[in-house]
Amino acid sequence: MKKFDLMNRYKSYYTAKTTPELVDIEPAYFLSLTGKGDPSGVPFANKLQALYATAYAIKFRSKQAGRDFTVAKLEALWWYDEKRFGNPSMADAPTKIPRSEWEYRLLIRIPEHITEKDVQQGIDIVLRKKKSDLAGAIEFYRMAEGKCIQVLHVGPYSTEPGTLARIAEFSESNGLKRNGVHHEIYLSDFRRTAPEKLKTILREPVK
């Protein structure tokens, strides 16, 4: 049985250059779980575990039905309360906003043949096996970003502000304005990859 691989099917979605560029991102469906707080904390790790447990439960059910697929890369949307913290520059926000106040939406893209019913059945399996009660908060989520500035960031997450500054400069030079929240696609597994070799797509919706 041949596996359906989202990274091969949508190569442009999972590919970026090391210099900022303007792209048009197609609508897609995801498993999604929201939260707030330091991404290095236990609650964040628990949410990741619940999301992956559900993704693999869906994958195994789909495989049994003859439609196996590879679980896609982890993604996340990031934002904060702008009424409380104002609007620091794109490059300054990661360091000026306390990590405890970061809000996020974790995402794993799913193939088109996976329905909302399939997702709910995967959630039910995880809840029944008591792998994580957090699975009950997982959503079948549609995202349509459209026009975005993106760039491939190579290196530790702590050096992202420098890359974000380049995105901001590109946006200003081209007369573009923010039109959504910050999006990251984690091409590398941070648990197994040296910080200096991490590869992350940074994406900013614009208009």
N, C-alpha and C. Protein backbone atom coordinates (compact mmCIF):
# COMPACT_ATOMS: atom_id res chain seq x y z
N MET A 1 0.83 -1.20 0.00
CA MET A 1 0.00 0.00 0.00
C MET A 1 0.88 1.26 0.00
N LYS A 2 0.64 2.14 -0.94
CA LYS A 2 1.41 3.37 -1.03
C LYS A 2 0.83 4.42 -0.10
N LYS A 3 1.71 5.07 0.69
CA LYS A 3 1.28 6.11 1.61
C LYS A 3 1.07 7.44 0.88
N PHE A 4 0.04 8.15 1.27
CA PHE A 4 -0.16 9.51 0.77
C PHE A 4 0.71 10.44 1.62
N ASP A 5 1.60 11.17 0.97
CA ASP A 5 2.54 12.04 1.67
C ASP A 5 2.23 13.50 1.34
N LEU A 6 1.75 14.23 2.33
CA LEU A 6 1.38 15.63 2.11
C LEU A 6 2.56 16.48 1.67
N MET A 7 3.75 16.17 2.18
CA MET A 7 4.92 16.98 1.81
C MET A 7 5.29 16.81 0.35
N ASN A 8 5.01 15.64 -0.21
CA ASN A 8 5.25 15.44 -1.64
C ASN A 8 4.11 16.00 -2.48
N ARG A 9 2.89 15.87 -1.97
CA ARG A 9 1.71 16.35 -2.72
C ARG A 9 1.68 17.87 -2.77
N TYR A 10 2.09 18.52 -1.68
CA TYR A 10 2.05 19.98 -1.61
C TYR A 10 3.45 20.52 -1.32
N LYS A 11 4.35 20.26 -2.24
CA LYS A 11 5.75 20.66 -2.03
C LYS A 11 5.91 22.15 -1.81
N SER A 12 5.14 22.97 -2.52
CA SER A 12 5.29 24.42 -2.38
C SER A 12 4.86 24.89 -0.99
N TYR A 13 3.92 24.18 -0.38
CA TYR A 13 3.46 24.55 0.96
C TYR A 13 4.55 24.34 1.99
N TYR A 14 5.35 23.29 1.80
CA TYR A 14 6.39 22.93 2.77
C TYR A 14 7.78 23.34 2.31
N THR A 15 7.85 24.30 1.39
CA THR A 15 9.14 24.75 0.87
C THR A 15 9.23 26.27 0.95
N ALA A 16 10.38 26.78 1.35
CA ALA A 16 10.59 28.23 1.39
C ALA A 16 12.06 28.53 1.13
N LYS A 17 12.31 29.72 0.62
CA LYS A 17 13.67 30.18 0.38
C LYS A 17 14.21 30.87 1.63
N THR A 18 15.52 31.08 1.67
CA THR A 18 16.13 31.76 2.81
C THR A 18 16.06 33.28 2.68
N THR A 19 15.43 33.75 1.61
CA THR A 19 15.16 35.18 1.47
C THR A 19 13.65 35.36 1.41
N PRO A 20 13.11 36.44 1.97
CA PRO A 20 11.66 36.64 1.99
C PRO A 20 11.07 36.65 0.58
N GLU A 21 9.90 36.06 0.44
CA GLU A 21 9.20 36.02 -0.84
C GLU A 21 7.70 36.07 -0.59
N LEU A 22 6.97 36.50 -1.61
CA LEU A 22 5.52 36.57 -1.54
C LEU A 22 4.94 35.30 -2.15
N VAL A 23 4.03 34.64 -1.44
CA VAL A 23 3.43 33.39 -1.92
C VAL A 23 1.92 33.44 -1.71
N ASP A 24 1.22 32.55 -2.39
CA ASP A 24 -0.23 32.42 -2.21
C ASP A 24 -0.51 31.01 -1.69
N ILE A 25 -1.05 30.93 -0.49
CA ILE A 25 -1.23 29.65 0.19
C ILE A 25 -2.67 29.16 0.04
N GLU A 26 -2.81 27.92 -0.40
CA GLU A 26 -4.13 27.34 -0.64
C GLU A 26 -4.83 27.01 0.67
N PRO A 27 -6.17 26.98 0.67
CA PRO A 27 -6.91 26.53 1.85
C PRO A 27 -6.56 25.08 2.17
N ALA A 28 -6.59 24.73 3.44
CA ALA A 28 -6.27 23.37 3.85
C ALA A 28 -6.97 23.05 5.17
N TYR A 29 -7.03 21.75 5.49
CA TYR A 29 -7.67 21.30 6.72
C TYR A 29 -6.63 20.73 7.68
N PHE A 30 -6.89 20.94 8.96
CA PHE A 30 -5.93 20.58 10.00
C PHE A 30 -6.61 19.98 11.23
N LEU A 31 -5.82 19.23 11.99
CA LEU A 31 -6.15 19.00 13.39
C LEU A 31 -5.62 20.20 14.14
N SER A 32 -6.37 20.70 15.10
CA SER A 32 -5.99 21.94 15.76
C SER A 32 -6.28 21.88 17.25
N LEU A 33 -5.37 22.45 18.03
CA LEU A 33 -5.54 22.53 19.48
C LEU A 33 -4.94 23.84 19.97
N THR A 34 -5.74 24.65 20.65
CA THR A 34 -5.28 25.97 21.09
C THR A 34 -4.79 25.94 22.53
N GLY A 35 -4.01 26.97 22.88
CA GLY A 35 -3.51 27.08 24.24
C GLY A 35 -2.84 28.41 24.48
N LYS A 36 -2.30 28.56 25.68
CA LYS A 36 -1.61 29.79 26.06
C LYS A 36 -0.51 29.43 27.04
N GLY A 37 0.67 30.05 26.84
CA GLY A 37 1.75 29.84 27.79
C GLY A 37 3.08 29.50 27.13
N ASP A 38 4.07 29.33 27.96
CA ASP A 38 5.45 29.07 27.53
C ASP A 38 5.52 27.74 26.77
N PRO A 39 6.02 27.77 25.53
CA PRO A 39 6.11 26.53 24.75
C PRO A 39 7.13 25.52 25.31
N SER A 40 7.94 25.94 26.27
CA SER A 40 8.87 25.00 26.88
C SER A 40 8.27 24.36 28.13
N GLY A 41 7.02 24.70 28.45
CA GLY A 41 6.38 24.18 29.65
C GLY A 41 5.67 22.86 29.45
N VAL A 42 5.28 22.23 30.55
CA VAL A 42 4.59 20.94 30.53
C VAL A 42 3.23 21.01 29.84
N PRO A 43 2.39 22.04 30.09
CA PRO A 43 1.09 22.08 29.41
C PRO A 43 1.20 22.05 27.89
N PHE A 44 2.19 22.76 27.35
CA PHE A 44 2.41 22.77 25.91
C PHE A 44 2.77 21.36 25.43
N ALA A 45 3.67 20.70 26.15
CA ALA A 45 4.09 19.35 25.78
C ALA A 45 2.91 18.39 25.83
N ASN A 46 2.04 18.56 26.81
CA ASN A 46 0.87 17.68 26.92
C ASN A 46 -0.09 17.88 25.74
N LYS A 47 -0.22 19.12 25.30
CA LYS A 47 -1.08 19.40 24.14
C LYS A 47 -0.49 18.78 22.88
N LEU A 48 0.82 18.86 22.73
CA LEU A 48 1.48 18.23 21.59
C LEU A 48 1.22 16.72 21.59
N GLN A 49 1.35 16.11 22.76
CA GLN A 49 1.13 14.67 22.87
C GLN A 49 -0.29 14.30 22.46
N ALA A 50 -1.26 15.09 22.91
CA ALA A 50 -2.67 14.81 22.57
C ALA A 50 -2.91 14.96 21.08
N LEU A 51 -2.29 15.99 20.47
CA LEU A 51 -2.49 16.23 19.04
C LEU A 51 -1.91 15.09 18.21
N TYR A 52 -0.69 14.66 18.57
CA TYR A 52 -0.06 13.57 17.82
C TYR A 52 -0.78 12.24 18.05
N ALA A 53 -1.23 12.00 19.27
CA ALA A 53 -1.96 10.75 19.53
C ALA A 53 -3.21 10.67 18.66
N THR A 54 -3.89 11.80 18.51
CA THR A 54 -5.09 11.84 17.68
C THR A 54 -4.75 11.69 16.21
N ALA A 55 -3.68 12.35 15.77
CA ALA A 55 -3.26 12.24 14.37
C ALA A 55 -2.96 10.79 14.01
N TYR A 56 -2.27 10.08 14.89
CA TYR A 56 -1.92 8.69 14.60
C TYR A 56 -3.13 7.76 14.71
N ALA A 57 -4.07 8.08 15.59
CA ALA A 57 -5.30 7.29 15.66
C ALA A 57 -6.07 7.40 14.34
N ILE A 58 -6.13 8.60 13.79
CA ILE A 58 -6.80 8.81 12.49
C ILE A 58 -6.04 8.10 11.38
N LYS A 59 -4.73 8.20 11.42
CA LYS A 59 -3.89 7.55 10.39
C LYS A 59 -4.13 6.03 10.37
N PHE A 60 -4.14 5.41 11.55
CA PHE A 60 -4.27 3.96 11.61
C PHE A 60 -5.65 3.51 11.14
N ARG A 61 -6.69 4.28 11.45
CA ARG A 61 -8.03 3.95 10.96
C ARG A 61 -8.08 4.08 9.43
N SER A 62 -7.44 5.14 8.92
CA SER A 62 -7.42 5.35 7.48
C SER A 62 -6.63 4.24 6.78
N LYS A 63 -5.54 3.80 7.41
CA LYS A 63 -4.74 2.70 6.84
C LYS A 63 -5.56 1.42 6.76
N GLN A 64 -6.34 1.16 7.78
CA GLN A 64 -7.19 -0.03 7.78
C GLN A 64 -8.22 0.01 6.66
N ALA A 65 -8.58 1.24 6.26
CA ALA A 65 -9.55 1.41 5.17
C ALA A 65 -8.86 1.46 3.81
N GLY A 66 -7.53 1.23 3.79
CA GLY A 66 -6.80 1.20 2.53
C GLY A 66 -6.28 2.53 2.04
N ARG A 67 -6.26 3.56 2.94
CA ARG A 67 -5.80 4.89 2.53
C ARG A 67 -4.79 5.42 3.56
N ASP A 68 -3.63 4.80 3.58
CA ASP A 68 -2.59 5.18 4.54
C ASP A 68 -2.00 6.53 4.16
N PHE A 69 -1.54 7.29 5.15
CA PHE A 69 -0.88 8.57 4.88
C PHE A 69 0.17 8.83 5.94
N THR A 70 1.12 9.68 5.59
CA THR A 70 2.18 10.08 6.51
C THR A 70 1.69 11.27 7.33
N VAL A 71 1.84 11.19 8.64
CA VAL A 71 1.47 12.32 9.50
C VAL A 71 2.37 13.51 9.17
N ALA A 72 1.75 14.64 8.92
CA ALA A 72 2.47 15.82 8.44
C ALA A 72 3.27 16.52 9.54
N LYS A 73 4.05 17.50 9.13
CA LYS A 73 4.87 18.29 10.05
C LYS A 73 4.01 19.12 11.00
N LEU A 74 4.53 19.35 12.18
CA LEU A 74 3.86 20.21 13.15
C LEU A 74 3.92 21.66 12.68
N GLU A 75 2.83 22.39 12.92
CA GLU A 75 2.78 23.82 12.63
C GLU A 75 2.15 24.54 13.83
N ALA A 76 2.28 25.85 13.87
CA ALA A 76 1.62 26.61 14.93
C ALA A 76 1.38 28.04 14.48
N LEU A 77 0.26 28.58 14.92
CA LEU A 77 -0.02 30.01 14.81
C LEU A 77 0.26 30.62 16.18
N TRP A 78 0.83 31.85 16.18
CA TRP A 78 1.19 32.51 17.44
C TRP A 78 0.65 33.93 17.46
N TRP A 79 0.13 34.35 18.63
CA TRP A 79 -0.34 35.72 18.79
C TRP A 79 -0.36 36.10 20.26
N TYR A 80 -0.80 37.30 20.56
CA TYR A 80 -0.86 37.80 21.95
C TYR A 80 -1.95 38.86 22.03
N ASP A 81 -2.27 39.28 23.23
CA ASP A 81 -3.32 40.27 23.46
C ASP A 81 -2.78 41.66 23.11
N GLU A 82 -3.15 42.17 21.95
CA GLU A 82 -2.62 43.46 21.50
C GLU A 82 -3.22 44.62 22.29
N LYS A 83 -4.41 44.45 22.85
CA LYS A 83 -4.98 45.51 23.68
C LYS A 83 -4.15 45.71 24.95
N ARG A 84 -3.59 44.63 25.43
CA ARG A 84 -2.78 44.69 26.66
C ARG A 84 -1.33 45.06 26.39
N PHE A 85 -0.74 44.52 25.32
CA PHE A 85 0.69 44.69 25.09
C PHE A 85 1.01 45.66 23.94
N GLY A 86 -0.01 46.23 23.31
CA GLY A 86 0.26 47.14 22.22
C GLY A 86 0.66 46.39 20.97
N ASN A 87 1.44 47.05 20.14
CA ASN A 87 1.82 46.45 18.85
C ASN A 87 3.31 46.64 18.59
N PRO A 88 4.16 45.89 19.33
CA PRO A 88 5.60 45.99 19.06
C PRO A 88 5.92 45.50 17.66
N SER A 89 7.08 45.83 17.17
CA SER A 89 7.46 45.40 15.82
C SER A 89 7.50 43.89 15.74
N MET A 90 7.43 43.39 14.53
CA MET A 90 7.45 41.95 14.29
C MET A 90 8.68 41.29 14.93
N ALA A 91 9.82 41.99 14.84
CA ALA A 91 11.06 41.44 15.37
C ALA A 91 11.13 41.52 16.89
N ASP A 92 10.48 42.53 17.48
CA ASP A 92 10.55 42.74 18.93
C ASP A 92 9.55 41.91 19.72
N ALA A 93 8.43 41.57 19.09
CA ALA A 93 7.36 40.87 19.81
C ALA A 93 7.83 39.60 20.53
N PRO A 94 8.65 38.74 19.91
CA PRO A 94 9.04 37.50 20.60
C PRO A 94 9.78 37.72 21.91
N THR A 95 10.48 38.84 22.04
CA THR A 95 11.24 39.09 23.25
C THR A 95 10.54 40.05 24.22
N LYS A 96 9.66 40.90 23.71
CA LYS A 96 8.98 41.87 24.56
C LYS A 96 7.71 41.33 25.20
N ILE A 97 7.10 40.32 24.59
CA ILE A 97 5.90 39.72 25.15
C ILE A 97 6.32 38.54 26.02
N PRO A 98 5.95 38.53 27.31
CA PRO A 98 6.33 37.40 28.17
C PRO A 98 5.84 36.07 27.59
N ARG A 99 6.68 35.05 27.68
CA ARG A 99 6.32 33.76 27.10
C ARG A 99 5.05 33.18 27.73
N SER A 100 4.79 33.56 28.96
CA SER A 100 3.57 33.09 29.63
C SER A 100 2.31 33.65 28.98
N GLU A 101 2.46 34.72 28.18
CA GLU A 101 1.32 35.37 27.54
C GLU A 101 1.17 35.00 26.06
N TRP A 102 2.06 34.16 25.56
CA TRP A 102 1.94 33.74 24.17
C TRP A 102 0.72 32.84 24.00
N GLU A 103 -0.06 33.11 22.99
CA GLU A 103 -1.20 32.26 22.66
C GLU A 103 -0.89 31.53 21.36
N TYR A 104 -1.42 30.33 21.23
CA TYR A 104 -1.04 29.53 20.08
C TYR A 104 -2.17 28.60 19.63
N ARG A 105 -2.07 28.20 18.38
CA ARG A 105 -2.92 27.17 17.80
C ARG A 105 -2.00 26.15 17.14
N LEU A 106 -1.88 24.97 17.75
CA LEU A 106 -1.08 23.90 17.18
C LEU A 106 -1.83 23.27 16.02
N LEU A 107 -1.11 22.90 14.97
CA LEU A 107 -1.74 22.40 13.75
C LEU A 107 -0.98 21.20 13.18
N ILE A 108 -1.72 20.23 12.68
CA ILE A 108 -1.17 19.17 11.84
C ILE A 108 -2.08 19.05 10.64
N ARG A 109 -1.54 19.28 9.45
CA ARG A 109 -2.36 19.22 8.24
C ARG A 109 -2.79 17.77 7.97
N ILE A 110 -4.03 17.62 7.46
CA ILE A 110 -4.56 16.30 7.17
C ILE A 110 -4.99 16.22 5.70
N PRO A 111 -4.97 15.01 5.13
CA PRO A 111 -5.36 14.84 3.72
C PRO A 111 -6.83 15.19 3.50
N GLU A 112 -7.17 15.48 2.24
CA GLU A 112 -8.54 15.87 1.90
C GLU A 112 -9.56 14.77 2.15
N HIS A 113 -9.12 13.51 2.11
CA HIS A 113 -10.10 12.44 2.30
C HIS A 113 -10.50 12.25 3.77
N ILE A 114 -9.78 12.90 4.67
CA ILE A 114 -10.13 12.82 6.09
C ILE A 114 -11.25 13.82 6.38
N THR A 115 -12.36 13.31 6.90
CA THR A 115 -13.53 14.15 7.15
C THR A 115 -13.61 14.56 8.62
N GLU A 116 -14.54 15.45 8.90
CA GLU A 116 -14.76 15.85 10.29
C GLU A 116 -15.17 14.64 11.14
N LYS A 117 -15.94 13.74 10.55
CA LYS A 117 -16.35 12.52 11.24
C LYS A 117 -15.14 11.66 11.57
N ASP A 118 -14.20 11.55 10.62
CA ASP A 118 -12.97 10.78 10.87
C ASP A 118 -12.19 11.37 12.04
N VAL A 119 -12.12 12.69 12.07
CA VAL A 119 -11.39 13.37 13.15
C VAL A 119 -12.06 13.06 14.49
N GLN A 120 -13.38 13.15 14.55
CA GLN A 120 -14.08 12.88 15.80
C GLN A 120 -13.88 11.44 16.25
N GLN A 121 -13.85 10.51 15.29
CA GLN A 121 -13.62 9.12 15.65
C GLN A 121 -12.21 8.92 16.21
N GLY A 122 -11.23 9.65 15.64
CA GLY A 122 -9.87 9.60 16.17
C GLY A 122 -9.80 10.16 17.58
N ILE A 123 -10.49 11.25 17.81
CA ILE A 123 -10.55 11.84 19.15
C ILE A 123 -11.16 10.86 20.14
N ASP A 124 -12.24 10.23 19.73
CA ASP A 124 -12.93 9.27 20.60
C ASP A 124 -12.02 8.11 20.99
N ILE A 125 -11.20 7.65 20.04
CA ILE A 125 -10.27 6.55 20.32
C ILE A 125 -9.27 6.96 21.40
N VAL A 126 -8.71 8.18 21.25
CA VAL A 126 -7.72 8.66 22.22
C VAL A 126 -8.37 8.84 23.59
N LEU A 127 -9.57 9.39 23.62
CA LEU A 127 -10.26 9.58 24.90
C LEU A 127 -10.60 8.23 25.55
N ARG A 128 -11.01 7.27 24.73
CA ARG A 128 -11.39 5.96 25.25
C ARG A 128 -10.19 5.23 25.84
N LYS A 129 -9.04 5.40 25.18
CA LYS A 129 -7.82 4.75 25.68
C LYS A 129 -7.14 5.58 26.77
N LYS A 130 -7.73 6.75 27.05
CA LYS A 130 -7.25 7.64 28.11
C LYS A 130 -5.79 8.05 27.92
N LYS A 131 -5.40 8.22 26.66
CA LYS A 131 -4.05 8.72 26.40
C LYS A 131 -3.94 10.19 26.79
N SER A 132 -5.04 10.92 26.62
CA SER A 132 -5.05 12.33 27.01
C SER A 132 -6.46 12.88 26.94
N ASP A 133 -6.93 13.45 28.05
CA ASP A 133 -8.24 14.10 28.06
C ASP A 133 -8.24 15.35 27.19
N LEU A 134 -7.04 15.89 26.91
CA LEU A 134 -6.93 17.11 26.10
C LEU A 134 -7.43 16.88 24.67
N ALA A 135 -7.47 15.63 24.25
CA ALA A 135 -7.92 15.33 22.89
C ALA A 135 -9.34 15.82 22.65
N GLY A 136 -10.12 15.92 23.71
CA GLY A 136 -11.50 16.37 23.57
C GLY A 136 -11.62 17.79 23.08
N ALA A 137 -10.54 18.57 23.18
CA ALA A 137 -10.56 19.97 22.73
C ALA A 137 -10.03 20.14 21.32
N ILE A 138 -9.63 19.05 20.68
CA ILE A 138 -9.08 19.13 19.31
C ILE A 138 -10.20 19.45 18.33
N GLU A 139 -9.87 20.30 17.34
CA GLU A 139 -10.84 20.74 16.34
C GLU A 139 -10.45 20.27 14.94
N PHE A 140 -11.45 20.12 14.10
CA PHE A 140 -11.29 19.97 12.65
C PHE A 140 -11.30 21.40 12.11
N TYR A 141 -10.13 21.87 11.65
CA TYR A 141 -9.94 23.31 11.42
C TYR A 141 -9.57 23.60 9.98
N ARG A 142 -10.26 24.54 9.37
CA ARG A 142 -9.94 24.98 8.01
C ARG A 142 -9.20 26.30 8.07
N MET A 143 -8.11 26.42 7.33
CA MET A 143 -7.35 27.67 7.30
C MET A 143 -7.13 28.07 5.84
N ALA A 144 -7.38 29.33 5.55
CA ALA A 144 -7.17 29.87 4.20
C ALA A 144 -6.36 31.16 4.33
N GLU A 145 -5.05 31.05 4.32
CA GLU A 145 -4.19 32.22 4.54
C GLU A 145 -4.11 33.13 3.32
N GLY A 146 -4.08 32.56 2.14
CA GLY A 146 -3.96 33.40 0.95
C GLY A 146 -2.57 34.00 0.82
N LYS A 147 -2.51 35.30 0.56
CA LYS A 147 -1.23 35.98 0.32
C LYS A 147 -0.40 36.05 1.61
N CYS A 148 0.86 35.61 1.52
CA CYS A 148 1.75 35.62 2.69
C CYS A 148 3.17 35.99 2.27
N ILE A 149 3.90 36.54 3.21
CA ILE A 149 5.36 36.63 3.08
C ILE A 149 5.92 35.44 3.85
N GLN A 150 6.86 34.74 3.26
CA GLN A 150 7.46 33.62 3.97
C GLN A 150 8.97 33.61 3.77
N VAL A 151 9.64 32.91 4.67
CA VAL A 151 11.09 32.75 4.58
C VAL A 151 11.47 31.51 5.37
N LEU A 152 12.54 30.84 4.97
CA LEU A 152 13.07 29.71 5.71
C LEU A 152 14.07 30.22 6.74
N HIS A 153 13.79 29.96 8.00
CA HIS A 153 14.71 30.31 9.09
C HIS A 153 15.53 29.08 9.43
N VAL A 154 16.86 29.22 9.38
CA VAL A 154 17.75 28.13 9.74
C VAL A 154 18.48 28.52 11.02
N GLY A 155 18.32 27.71 12.06
CA GLY A 155 18.96 28.01 13.33
C GLY A 155 17.99 27.90 14.49
N PRO A 156 18.45 28.23 15.69
CA PRO A 156 17.60 28.11 16.88
C PRO A 156 16.43 29.08 16.84
N TYR A 157 15.38 28.73 17.57
CA TYR A 157 14.20 29.59 17.62
C TYR A 157 14.54 30.96 18.21
N SER A 158 15.55 31.00 19.07
CA SER A 158 15.92 32.26 19.73
C SER A 158 16.44 33.31 18.76
N THR A 159 16.87 32.89 17.56
CA THR A 159 17.39 33.86 16.58
C THR A 159 16.34 34.25 15.53
N GLU A 160 15.11 33.81 15.73
CA GLU A 160 14.05 34.17 14.78
C GLU A 160 13.82 35.68 14.65
N PRO A 161 13.97 36.48 15.72
CA PRO A 161 13.73 37.92 15.56
C PRO A 161 14.50 38.55 14.41
N GLY A 162 15.72 38.10 14.17
CA GLY A 162 16.49 38.65 13.05
C GLY A 162 15.85 38.33 11.71
N THR A 163 15.33 37.12 11.57
CA THR A 163 14.64 36.73 10.34
C THR A 163 13.32 37.47 10.21
N LEU A 164 12.62 37.65 11.32
CA LEU A 164 11.36 38.39 11.30
C LEU A 164 11.58 39.85 10.90
N ALA A 165 12.72 40.41 11.28
CA ALA A 165 13.04 41.78 10.89
C ALA A 165 13.18 41.88 9.37
N ARG A 166 13.70 40.83 8.74
CA ARG A 166 13.83 40.81 7.28
C ARG A 166 12.45 40.73 6.63
N ILE A 167 11.54 39.96 7.24
CA ILE A 167 10.18 39.90 6.72
C ILE A 167 9.52 41.27 6.82
N ALA A 168 9.70 41.93 7.96
CA ALA A 168 9.11 43.26 8.17
C ALA A 168 9.64 44.26 7.16
N GLU A 169 10.93 44.19 6.87
CA GLU A 169 11.54 45.09 5.88
C GLU A 169 10.97 44.82 4.49
N PHE A 170 10.80 43.55 4.14
CA PHE A 170 10.23 43.18 2.85
C PHE A 170 8.79 43.70 2.76
N SER A 171 8.03 43.54 3.84
CA SER A 171 6.64 44.00 3.86
C SER A 171 6.55 45.50 3.65
N GLU A 172 7.39 46.25 4.35
CA GLU A 172 7.37 47.71 4.24
C GLU A 172 7.80 48.16 2.84
N SER A 173 8.81 47.50 2.30
CA SER A 173 9.32 47.87 0.97
C SER A 173 8.29 47.63 -0.12
N ASN A 174 7.38 46.68 0.11
CA ASN A 174 6.39 46.33 -0.90
C ASN A 174 5.00 46.86 -0.57
N GLY A 175 4.92 47.73 0.43
CA GLY A 175 3.65 48.35 0.78
C GLY A 175 2.59 47.38 1.27
N LEU A 176 3.01 46.34 1.98
CA LEU A 176 2.08 45.31 2.46
C LEU A 176 1.75 45.52 3.93
N LYS A 177 0.58 45.07 4.33
CA LYS A 177 0.15 45.18 5.72
C LYS A 177 -0.24 43.81 6.27
N ARG A 178 -0.09 43.66 7.57
CA ARG A 178 -0.41 42.38 8.22
C ARG A 178 -1.88 42.03 8.02
N ASN A 179 -2.14 40.75 7.81
CA ASN A 179 -3.52 40.31 7.55
C ASN A 179 -3.78 38.96 8.21
N GLY A 180 -3.24 38.75 9.39
CA GLY A 180 -3.40 37.48 10.09
C GLY A 180 -2.32 37.32 11.14
N VAL A 181 -2.23 36.13 11.71
CA VAL A 181 -1.28 35.91 12.79
C VAL A 181 -0.06 35.15 12.29
N HIS A 182 1.01 35.24 13.06
CA HIS A 182 2.29 34.62 12.74
C HIS A 182 2.15 33.10 12.66
N HIS A 183 2.74 32.52 11.63
CA HIS A 183 2.61 31.08 11.34
C HIS A 183 4.00 30.47 11.20
N GLU A 184 4.20 29.35 11.86
CA GLU A 184 5.47 28.63 11.75
C GLU A 184 5.22 27.18 11.37
N ILE A 185 6.07 26.64 10.49
CA ILE A 185 6.03 25.23 10.11
C ILE A 185 7.38 24.62 10.49
N TYR A 186 7.35 23.61 11.34
CA TYR A 186 8.57 23.05 11.90
C TYR A 186 9.03 21.86 11.05
N LEU A 187 9.95 22.14 10.14
CA LEU A 187 10.44 21.11 9.23
C LEU A 187 11.37 20.13 9.95
N SER A 188 11.95 20.56 11.07
CA SER A 188 12.87 19.72 11.84
C SER A 188 12.23 19.30 13.16
N ASP A 189 12.62 18.16 13.65
CA ASP A 189 12.20 17.69 14.96
C ASP A 189 13.17 18.27 15.99
N PHE A 190 12.68 19.22 16.81
CA PHE A 190 13.58 19.91 17.74
C PHE A 190 14.15 18.96 18.80
N ARG A 191 13.53 17.80 18.98
CA ARG A 191 14.03 16.84 19.97
C ARG A 191 15.24 16.07 19.44
N ARG A 192 15.43 16.07 18.12
CA ARG A 192 16.49 15.25 17.52
C ARG A 192 17.45 16.05 16.66
N THR A 193 17.25 17.35 16.57
CA THR A 193 18.05 18.19 15.68
C THR A 193 18.82 19.23 16.48
N ALA A 194 20.09 19.41 16.17
CA ALA A 194 20.89 20.44 16.84
C ALA A 194 20.27 21.81 16.57
N PRO A 195 20.24 22.71 17.55
CA PRO A 195 19.60 24.02 17.38
C PRO A 195 20.06 24.77 16.13
N GLU A 196 21.36 24.72 15.83
CA GLU A 196 21.87 25.47 14.69
C GLU A 196 21.43 24.88 13.35
N LYS A 197 20.88 23.67 13.36
CA LYS A 197 20.44 23.03 12.12
C LYS A 197 18.93 23.00 11.96
N LEU A 198 18.20 23.55 12.92
CA LEU A 198 16.74 23.57 12.83
C LEU A 198 16.28 24.36 11.60
N LYS A 199 15.26 23.85 10.92
CA LYS A 199 14.69 24.55 9.78
C LYS A 199 13.21 24.82 10.05
N THR A 200 12.84 26.09 9.96
CA THR A 200 11.46 26.51 10.26
C THR A 200 10.99 27.49 9.21
N ILE A 201 9.84 27.22 8.62
CA ILE A 201 9.24 28.20 7.70
C ILE A 201 8.47 29.23 8.54
N LEU A 202 8.81 30.50 8.35
CA LEU A 202 8.09 31.59 9.01
C LEU A 202 7.18 32.23 7.96
N ARG A 203 5.93 32.38 8.31
CA ARG A 203 4.95 32.86 7.33
C ARG A 203 4.06 33.95 7.95
N GLU A 204 3.88 35.06 7.23
CA GLU A 204 3.09 36.17 7.71
C GLU A 204 2.02 36.53 6.67
N PRO A 205 0.73 36.33 6.98
CA PRO A 205 -0.32 36.73 6.04
C PRO A 205 -0.33 38.25 5.86
N VAL A 206 -0.50 38.69 4.61
CA VAL A 206 -0.46 40.13 4.32
C VAL A 206 -1.54 40.49 3.30
N LYS A 207 -1.75 41.79 3.14
CA LYS A 207 -2.67 42.27 2.11
C LYS A 207 -2.11 43.54 1.49
